[in-house]
PDB file of N, CA and C in Angstrom:
ATOM      1  N   UNK A   1      47.011 161.578 176.469  1.00  0.00           N
ATOM      2  CA  UNK A   1      46.419 162.133 177.657  1.00  0.00           C
ATOM      3  C   UNK A   1      47.460 162.070 178.791  1.00  0.00           C
ATOM      4  N   UNK A   2      47.600 163.139 179.553  1.00  0.00           N
ATOM      5  CA  UNK A   2      48.565 163.129 180.643  1.00  0.00           C
ATOM      6  C   UNK A   2      48.241 162.043 181.664  1.00  0.00           C
ATOM      7  N   UNK A   3      49.259 161.484 182.223  1.00  0.00           N
ATOM      8  CA  UNK A   3      49.101 160.377 183.157  1.00  0.00           C
ATOM      9  C   UNK A   3      48.316 160.767 184.399  1.00  0.00           C
ATOM     10  N   UNK A   4      48.497 161.970 184.918  1.00  0.00           N
ATOM     11  CA  UNK A   4      47.844 162.370 186.151  1.00  0.00           C
ATOM     12  C   UNK A   4      46.322 162.494 186.020  1.00  0.00           C
ATOM     13  N   UNK A   5      45.780 162.592 184.829  1.00  0.00           N
ATOM     14  CA  UNK A   5      44.336 162.672 184.646  1.00  0.00           C
ATOM     15  C   UNK A   5      43.678 161.296 184.644  1.00  0.00           C
ATOM     16  N   UNK A   6      44.432 160.263 184.351  1.00  0.00           N
ATOM     17  CA  UNK A   6      43.856 158.929 184.284  1.00  0.00           C
ATOM     18  C   UNK A   6      44.130 158.104 185.530  1.00  0.00           C
ATOM     19  N   UNK A   7      45.096 158.504 186.329  1.00  0.00           N
ATOM     20  CA  UNK A   7      45.437 157.734 187.528  1.00  0.00           C
ATOM     21  C   UNK A   7      44.424 157.989 188.632  1.00  0.00           C
ATOM     22  N   UNK A   8      44.053 156.924 189.325  1.00  0.00           N
ATOM     23  CA  UNK A   8      43.133 157.046 190.446  1.00  0.00           C
ATOM     24  C   UNK A   8      43.929 157.318 191.707  1.00  0.00           C
ATOM     25  N   UNK A   9      43.387 158.175 192.549  1.00  0.00           N
ATOM     26  CA  UNK A   9      44.054 158.481 193.808  1.00  0.00           C
ATOM     27  C   UNK A   9      43.645 157.476 194.872  1.00  0.00           C
ATOM     28  N   UNK A  10      44.567 157.193 195.732  1.00  0.00           N
ATOM     29  CA  UNK A  10      44.282 156.359 196.891  1.00  0.00           C
ATOM     30  C   UNK A  10      43.865 157.273 198.037  1.00  0.00           C
ATOM     31  N   UNK A  11      43.197 156.693 199.020  1.00  0.00           N
ATOM     32  CA  UNK A  11      42.764 157.455 200.186  1.00  0.00           C
ATOM     33  C   UNK A  11      43.966 158.160 200.823  1.00  0.00           C
ATOM     34  N   UNK A  12      45.092 157.480 200.889  1.00  0.00           N
ATOM     35  CA  UNK A  12      46.282 158.049 201.519  1.00  0.00           C
ATOM     36  C   UNK A  12      46.877 159.213 200.717  1.00  0.00           C
ATOM     37  N   UNK A  13      46.508 159.322 199.440  1.00  0.00           N
ATOM     38  CA  UNK A  13      46.999 160.423 198.610  1.00  0.00           C
ATOM     39  C   UNK A  13      46.199 161.711 198.814  1.00  0.00           C
ATOM     40  N   UNK A  14      45.028 161.610 199.420  1.00  0.00           N
ATOM     41  CA  UNK A  14      44.169 162.782 199.598  1.00  0.00           C
ATOM     42  C   UNK A  14      44.644 163.625 200.772  1.00  0.00           C
ATOM     43  N   UNK A  15      44.431 164.932 200.654  1.00  0.00           N
ATOM     44  CA  UNK A  15      44.737 165.820 201.779  1.00  0.00           C
ATOM     45  C   UNK A  15      43.664 165.646 202.843  1.00  0.00           C
ATOM     46  N   UNK A  16      43.906 166.170 204.015  1.00  0.00           N
ATOM     47  CA  UNK A  16      42.910 166.036 205.083  1.00  0.00           C
ATOM     48  C   UNK A  16      41.622 166.772 204.713  1.00  0.00           C
ATOM     49  N   UNK A  17      41.723 167.875 204.007  1.00  0.00           N
ATOM     50  CA  UNK A  17      40.527 168.596 203.559  1.00  0.00           C
ATOM     51  C   UNK A  17      39.722 167.794 202.549  1.00  0.00           C
ATOM     52  N   UNK A  18      40.416 167.121 201.634  1.00  0.00           N
ATOM     53  CA  UNK A  18      39.728 166.288 200.650  1.00  0.00           C
ATOM     54  C   UNK A  18      39.067 165.092 201.329  1.00  0.00           C
ATOM     55  N   UNK A  19      39.747 164.506 202.302  1.00  0.00           N
ATOM     56  CA  UNK A  19      39.158 163.383 203.042  1.00  0.00           C
ATOM     57  C   UNK A  19      37.896 163.830 203.775  1.00  0.00           C
ATOM     58  N   UNK A  20      37.972 164.987 204.398  1.00  0.00           N
ATOM     59  CA  UNK A  20      36.817 165.525 205.113  1.00  0.00           C
ATOM     60  C   UNK A  20      35.661 165.751 204.145  1.00  0.00           C
ATOM     61  N   UNK A  21      35.942 166.292 202.973  1.00  0.00           N
ATOM     62  CA  UNK A  21      34.898 166.545 201.980  1.00  0.00           C
ATOM     63  C   UNK A  21      34.245 165.241 201.522  1.00  0.00           C
ATOM     64  N   UNK A  22      35.050 164.220 201.281  1.00  0.00           N
ATOM     65  CA  UNK A  22      34.510 162.927 200.851  1.00  0.00           C
ATOM     66  C   UNK A  22      33.612 162.340 201.938  1.00  0.00           C
ATOM     67  N   UNK A  23      34.048 162.417 203.184  1.00  0.00           N
ATOM     68  CA  UNK A  23      33.246 161.896 204.297  1.00  0.00           C
ATOM     69  C   UNK A  23      31.947 162.683 204.439  1.00  0.00           C
ATOM     70  N   UNK A  24      31.999 163.999 204.310  1.00  0.00           N
ATOM     71  CA  UNK A  24      30.796 164.826 204.447  1.00  0.00           C
ATOM     72  C   UNK A  24      29.791 164.540 203.332  1.00  0.00           C
ATOM     73  N   UNK A  25      30.274 164.416 202.102  1.00  0.00           N
ATOM     74  CA  UNK A  25      29.383 164.107 200.984  1.00  0.00           C
ATOM     75  C   UNK A  25      28.736 162.733 201.188  1.00  0.00           C
ATOM     76  N   UNK A  26      29.524 161.781 201.653  1.00  0.00           N
ATOM     77  CA  UNK A  26      28.985 160.449 201.943  1.00  0.00           C
ATOM     78  C   UNK A  26      27.928 160.482 203.036  1.00  0.00           C
ATOM     79  N   UNK A  27      28.167 161.275 204.079  1.00  0.00           N
ATOM     80  CA  UNK A  27      27.188 161.398 205.170  1.00  0.00           C
ATOM     81  C   UNK A  27      25.883 162.031 204.688  1.00  0.00           C
ATOM     82  N   UNK A  28      25.999 163.038 203.859  1.00  0.00           N
ATOM     83  CA  UNK A  28      24.794 163.683 203.322  1.00  0.00           C
ATOM     84  C   UNK A  28      24.002 162.697 202.472  1.00  0.00           C
ATOM     85  N   UNK A  29      24.696 161.935 201.629  1.00  0.00           N
ATOM     86  CA  UNK A  29      24.015 160.976 200.761  1.00  0.00           C
ATOM     87  C   UNK A  29      23.335 159.888 201.592  1.00  0.00           C
ATOM     88  N   UNK A  30      24.020 159.355 202.591  1.00  0.00           N
ATOM     89  CA  UNK A  30      23.421 158.330 203.451  1.00  0.00           C
ATOM     90  C   UNK A  30      22.246 158.875 204.252  1.00  0.00           C
ATOM     91  N   UNK A  31      22.360 160.110 204.718  1.00  0.00           N
ATOM     92  CA  UNK A  31      21.257 160.732 205.459  1.00  0.00           C
ATOM     93  C   UNK A  31      20.037 160.920 204.571  1.00  0.00           C
ATOM     94  N   UNK A  32      20.260 161.331 203.347  1.00  0.00           N
ATOM     95  CA  UNK A  32      19.162 161.513 202.402  1.00  0.00           C
ATOM     96  C   UNK A  32      18.467 160.186 202.115  1.00  0.00           C
ATOM     97  N   UNK A  33      19.252 159.134 201.901  1.00  0.00           N
ATOM     98  CA  UNK A  33      18.684 157.813 201.648  1.00  0.00           C
ATOM     99  C   UNK A  33      17.946 157.301 202.879  1.00  0.00           C
ATOM    100  N   UNK A  34      18.515 157.483 204.068  1.00  0.00           N
ATOM    101  CA  UNK A  34      17.864 157.024 205.298  1.00  0.00           C
ATOM    102  C   UNK A  34      16.546 157.747 205.518  1.00  0.00           C
ATOM    103  N   UNK A  35      16.516 159.038 205.247  1.00  0.00           N
ATOM    104  CA  UNK A  35      15.271 159.800 205.389  1.00  0.00           C
ATOM    105  C   UNK A  35      14.216 159.315 204.396  1.00  0.00           C
ATOM    106  N   UNK A  36      14.634 159.019 203.174  1.00  0.00           N
ATOM    107  CA  UNK A  36      13.695 158.529 202.165  1.00  0.00           C
ATOM    108  C   UNK A  36      13.145 157.159 202.551  1.00  0.00           C
ATOM    109  N   UNK A  37      14.021 156.249 203.022  1.00  0.00           N
ATOM    110  CA  UNK A  37      13.558 154.918 203.431  1.00  0.00           C
ATOM    111  C   UNK A  37      12.640 155.009 204.648  1.00  0.00           C
ATOM    112  N   UNK A  38      12.943 155.888 205.591  1.00  0.00           N
ATOM    113  CA  UNK A  38      12.092 156.053 206.770  1.00  0.00           C
ATOM    114  C   UNK A  38      10.720 156.582 206.370  1.00  0.00           C
ATOM    115  N   UNK A  39      10.710 157.560 205.474  1.00  0.00           N
ATOM    116  CA  UNK A  39       9.431 158.100 205.002  1.00  0.00           C
ATOM    117  C   UNK A  39       8.633 157.022 204.273  1.00  0.00           C
ATOM    118  N   UNK A  40       9.300 156.248 203.440  1.00  0.00           N
ATOM    119  CA  UNK A  40       8.634 155.184 202.689  1.00  0.00           C
ATOM    120  C   UNK A  40       8.049 154.133 203.631  1.00  0.00           C
ATOM    121  N   UNK A  41       8.785 153.790 204.680  1.00  0.00           N
ATOM    122  CA  UNK A  41       8.316 152.774 205.627  1.00  0.00           C
ATOM    123  C   UNK A  41       7.089 153.238 206.398  1.00  0.00           C
ATOM    124  N   UNK A  42       7.019 154.514 206.707  1.00  0.00           N
ATOM    125  CA  UNK A  42       5.901 155.048 207.495  1.00  0.00           C
ATOM    126  C   UNK A  42       4.692 155.434 206.649  1.00  0.00           C
ATOM    127  N   UNK A  43       4.909 155.680 205.390  1.00  0.00           N
ATOM    128  CA  UNK A  43       3.838 156.171 204.511  1.00  0.00           C
ATOM    129  C   UNK A  43       2.949 155.017 204.056  1.00  0.00           C
ATOM    130  N   UNK A  44       1.618 155.184 204.152  1.00  0.00           N
ATOM    131  CA  UNK A  44       0.708 154.142 203.646  1.00  0.00           C
ATOM    132  C   UNK A  44       0.912 153.932 202.140  1.00  0.00           C
ATOM    133  N   UNK A  45       0.692 152.707 201.688  1.00  0.00           N
ATOM    134  CA  UNK A  45       0.901 152.369 200.278  1.00  0.00           C
ATOM    135  C   UNK A  45       0.051 153.235 199.344  1.00  0.00           C
ATOM    136  N   UNK A  46      -1.109 153.660 199.808  1.00  0.00           N
ATOM    137  CA  UNK A  46      -1.983 154.496 198.964  1.00  0.00           C
ATOM    138  C   UNK A  46      -1.364 155.865 198.681  1.00  0.00           C
ATOM    139  N   UNK A  47      -0.432 156.283 199.503  1.00  0.00           N
ATOM    140  CA  UNK A  47       0.199 157.591 199.334  1.00  0.00           C
ATOM    141  C   UNK A  47       1.532 157.512 198.589  1.00  0.00           C
ATOM    142  N   UNK A  48       1.844 156.346 198.048  1.00  0.00           N
ATOM    143  CA  UNK A  48       3.087 156.156 197.295  1.00  0.00           C
ATOM    144  C   UNK A  48       2.726 155.926 195.829  1.00  0.00           C
ATOM    145  N   UNK A  49       3.404 156.628 194.942  1.00  0.00           N
ATOM    146  CA  UNK A  49       3.162 156.494 193.503  1.00  0.00           C
ATOM    147  C   UNK A  49       3.911 155.259 193.003  1.00  0.00           C
ATOM    148  N   UNK A  50       3.233 154.137 192.912  1.00  0.00           N
ATOM    149  CA  UNK A  50       3.866 152.890 192.506  1.00  0.00           C
ATOM    150  C   UNK A  50       4.031 151.979 193.704  1.00  0.00           C
ATOM    151  N   UNK A  51       4.781 150.913 193.514  1.00  0.00           N
ATOM    152  CA  UNK A  51       4.930 149.961 194.610  1.00  0.00           C
ATOM    153  C   UNK A  51       6.037 150.415 195.568  1.00  0.00           C
ATOM    154  N   UNK A  52       5.840 150.110 196.831  1.00  0.00           N
ATOM    155  CA  UNK A  52       6.827 150.459 197.844  1.00  0.00           C
ATOM    156  C   UNK A  52       8.135 149.689 197.613  1.00  0.00           C
ATOM    157  N   UNK A  53       8.045 148.457 197.139  1.00  0.00           N
ATOM    158  CA  UNK A  53       9.255 147.666 196.877  1.00  0.00           C
ATOM    159  C   UNK A  53      10.090 148.314 195.771  1.00  0.00           C
ATOM    160  N   UNK A  54       9.424 148.818 194.739  1.00  0.00           N
ATOM    161  CA  UNK A  54      10.134 149.490 193.649  1.00  0.00           C
ATOM    162  C   UNK A  54      10.854 150.728 194.171  1.00  0.00           C
ATOM    163  N   UNK A  55      10.186 151.516 194.989  1.00  0.00           N
ATOM    164  CA  UNK A  55      10.803 152.723 195.508  1.00  0.00           C
ATOM    165  C   UNK A  55      11.926 152.409 196.488  1.00  0.00           C
ATOM    166  N   UNK A  56      11.799 151.329 197.254  1.00  0.00           N
ATOM    167  CA  UNK A  56      12.871 150.946 198.168  1.00  0.00           C
ATOM    168  C   UNK A  56      14.143 150.639 197.385  1.00  0.00           C
ATOM    169  N   UNK A  57      14.001 149.996 196.247  1.00  0.00           N
ATOM    170  CA  UNK A  57      15.169 149.689 195.406  1.00  0.00           C
ATOM    171  C   UNK A  57      15.713 150.954 194.737  1.00  0.00           C
ATOM    172  N   UNK A  58      14.835 151.819 194.282  1.00  0.00           N
ATOM    173  CA  UNK A  58      15.269 153.052 193.612  1.00  0.00           C
ATOM    174  C   UNK A  58      16.025 153.961 194.570  1.00  0.00           C
ATOM    175  N   UNK A  59      15.583 154.014 195.818  1.00  0.00           N
ATOM    176  CA  UNK A  59      16.244 154.869 196.810  1.00  0.00           C
ATOM    177  C   UNK A  59      17.711 154.479 196.981  1.00  0.00           C
ATOM    178  N   UNK A  60      18.039 153.208 196.742  1.00  0.00           N
ATOM    179  CA  UNK A  60      19.415 152.742 196.906  1.00  0.00           C
ATOM    180  C   UNK A  60      20.368 153.314 195.853  1.00  0.00           C
ATOM    181  N   UNK A  61      19.839 153.919 194.801  1.00  0.00           N
ATOM    182  CA  UNK A  61      20.682 154.520 193.760  1.00  0.00           C
ATOM    183  C   UNK A  61      21.188 155.860 194.278  1.00  0.00           C
ATOM    184  N   UNK A  62      22.504 156.008 194.350  1.00  0.00           N
ATOM    185  CA  UNK A  62      23.109 157.209 194.933  1.00  0.00           C
ATOM    186  C   UNK A  62      22.503 158.491 194.383  1.00  0.00           C
ATOM    187  N   UNK A  63      22.214 159.403 195.249  1.00  0.00           N
ATOM    188  CA  UNK A  63      21.677 160.732 195.011  1.00  0.00           C
ATOM    189  C   UNK A  63      20.393 160.737 194.206  1.00  0.00           C
ATOM    190  N   UNK A  64      20.378 160.109 193.074  1.00  0.00           N
ATOM    191  CA  UNK A  64      19.224 160.155 192.180  1.00  0.00           C
ATOM    192  C   UNK A  64      18.003 159.498 192.818  1.00  0.00           C
ATOM    193  N   UNK A  65      18.184 158.358 193.445  1.00  0.00           N
ATOM    194  CA  UNK A  65      17.065 157.608 194.009  1.00  0.00           C
ATOM    195  C   UNK A  65      16.295 158.354 195.087  1.00  0.00           C
ATOM    196  N   UNK A  66      16.962 158.825 196.146  1.00  0.00           N
ATOM    197  CA  UNK A  66      16.224 159.551 197.178  1.00  0.00           C
ATOM    198  C   UNK A  66      15.570 160.828 196.658  1.00  0.00           C
ATOM    199  N   UNK A  67      16.259 161.534 195.795  1.00  0.00           N
ATOM    200  CA  UNK A  67      15.683 162.762 195.242  1.00  0.00           C
ATOM    201  C   UNK A  67      14.466 162.431 194.387  1.00  0.00           C
ATOM    202  N   UNK A  68      14.544 161.372 193.596  1.00  0.00           N
ATOM    203  CA  UNK A  68      13.397 160.959 192.783  1.00  0.00           C
ATOM    204  C   UNK A  68      12.224 160.568 193.668  1.00  0.00           C
ATOM    205  N   UNK A  69      12.503 159.866 194.765  1.00  0.00           N
ATOM    206  CA  UNK A  69      11.419 159.471 195.666  1.00  0.00           C
ATOM    207  C   UNK A  69      10.728 160.702 196.240  1.00  0.00           C
ATOM    208  N   UNK A  70      11.497 161.667 196.729  1.00  0.00           N
ATOM    209  CA  UNK A  70      10.890 162.850 197.339  1.00  0.00           C
ATOM    210  C   UNK A  70      10.171 163.727 196.324  1.00  0.00           C
ATOM    211  N   UNK A  71      10.602 163.718 195.063  1.00  0.00           N
ATOM    212  CA  UNK A  71       9.953 164.560 194.057  1.00  0.00           C
ATOM    213  C   UNK A  71       8.828 163.848 193.306  1.00  0.00           C
ATOM    214  N   UNK A  72       8.947 162.529 193.098  1.00  0.00           N
ATOM    215  CA  UNK A  72       7.972 161.824 192.269  1.00  0.00           C
ATOM    216  C   UNK A  72       7.293 160.637 192.949  1.00  0.00           C
ATOM    217  N   UNK A  73       7.850 160.155 194.038  1.00  0.00           N
ATOM    218  CA  UNK A  73       7.349 158.927 194.641  1.00  0.00           C
ATOM    219  C   UNK A  73       6.223 159.074 195.638  1.00  0.00           C
ATOM    220  N   UNK A  74       5.988 160.307 196.088  1.00  0.00           N
ATOM    221  CA  UNK A  74       4.946 160.521 197.082  1.00  0.00           C
ATOM    222  C   UNK A  74       3.760 161.231 196.451  1.00  0.00           C
ATOM    223  N   UNK A  75       2.588 160.722 196.763  1.00  0.00           N
ATOM    224  CA  UNK A  75       1.363 161.365 196.268  1.00  0.00           C
ATOM    225  C   UNK A  75       0.934 162.442 197.240  1.00  0.00           C
ATOM    226  N   UNK A  76       0.366 163.488 196.683  1.00  0.00           N
ATOM    227  CA  UNK A  76      -0.162 164.563 197.528  1.00  0.00           C
ATOM    228  C   UNK A  76      -1.409 164.062 198.233  1.00  0.00           C
ATOM    229  N   UNK A  77      -1.515 164.377 199.500  1.00  0.00           N
ATOM    230  CA  UNK A  77      -2.658 163.928 200.288  1.00  0.00           C
ATOM    231  C   UNK A  77      -3.459 165.157 200.663  1.00  0.00           C
ATOM    232  N   UNK A  78      -4.755 165.127 200.327  1.00  0.00           N
ATOM    233  CA  UNK A  78      -5.640 166.224 200.714  1.00  0.00           C
ATOM    234  C   UNK A  78      -6.309 165.860 202.029  1.00  0.00           C
ATOM    235  N   UNK A  79      -6.081 166.701 203.011  1.00  0.00           N
ATOM    236  CA  UNK A  79      -6.648 166.460 204.331  1.00  0.00           C
ATOM    237  C   UNK A  79      -7.869 167.347 204.510  1.00  0.00           C
ATOM    238  N   UNK A  80      -8.953 166.731 204.932  1.00  0.00           N
ATOM    239  CA  UNK A  80     -10.195 167.454 205.152  1.00  0.00           C
ATOM    240  C   UNK A  80     -10.301 167.751 206.642  1.00  0.00           C
ATOM    241  N   UNK A  81     -10.443 169.022 206.946  1.00  0.00           N
ATOM    242  CA  UNK A  81     -10.585 169.436 208.347  1.00  0.00           C
ATOM    243  C   UNK A  81     -12.063 169.629 208.619  1.00  0.00           C
ATOM    244  N   UNK A  82     -12.553 168.945 209.626  1.00  0.00           N
ATOM    245  CA  UNK A  82     -13.989 169.090 209.934  1.00  0.00           C
ATOM    246  C   UNK A  82     -14.208 169.806 211.238  1.00  0.00           C
TER     247      UNK A  82
END
């Protein structure tokens, strides 16, 4: 296997565009996790599928956790208008 495919790059080896991309992806991931944790904190336990502690831990898993929470962790709430 060629050496350049197995070597890890250092931050200083990245171009400014690559650095910007890494920072942007990180910001999006952190924003998604923060939104999921905020929603979980405000949502009553009856509206969460499973325990809130379990979902708080799952949200910490990069990308997969927050997306799983938003797709599977929240129960649909039927609101009755009188």
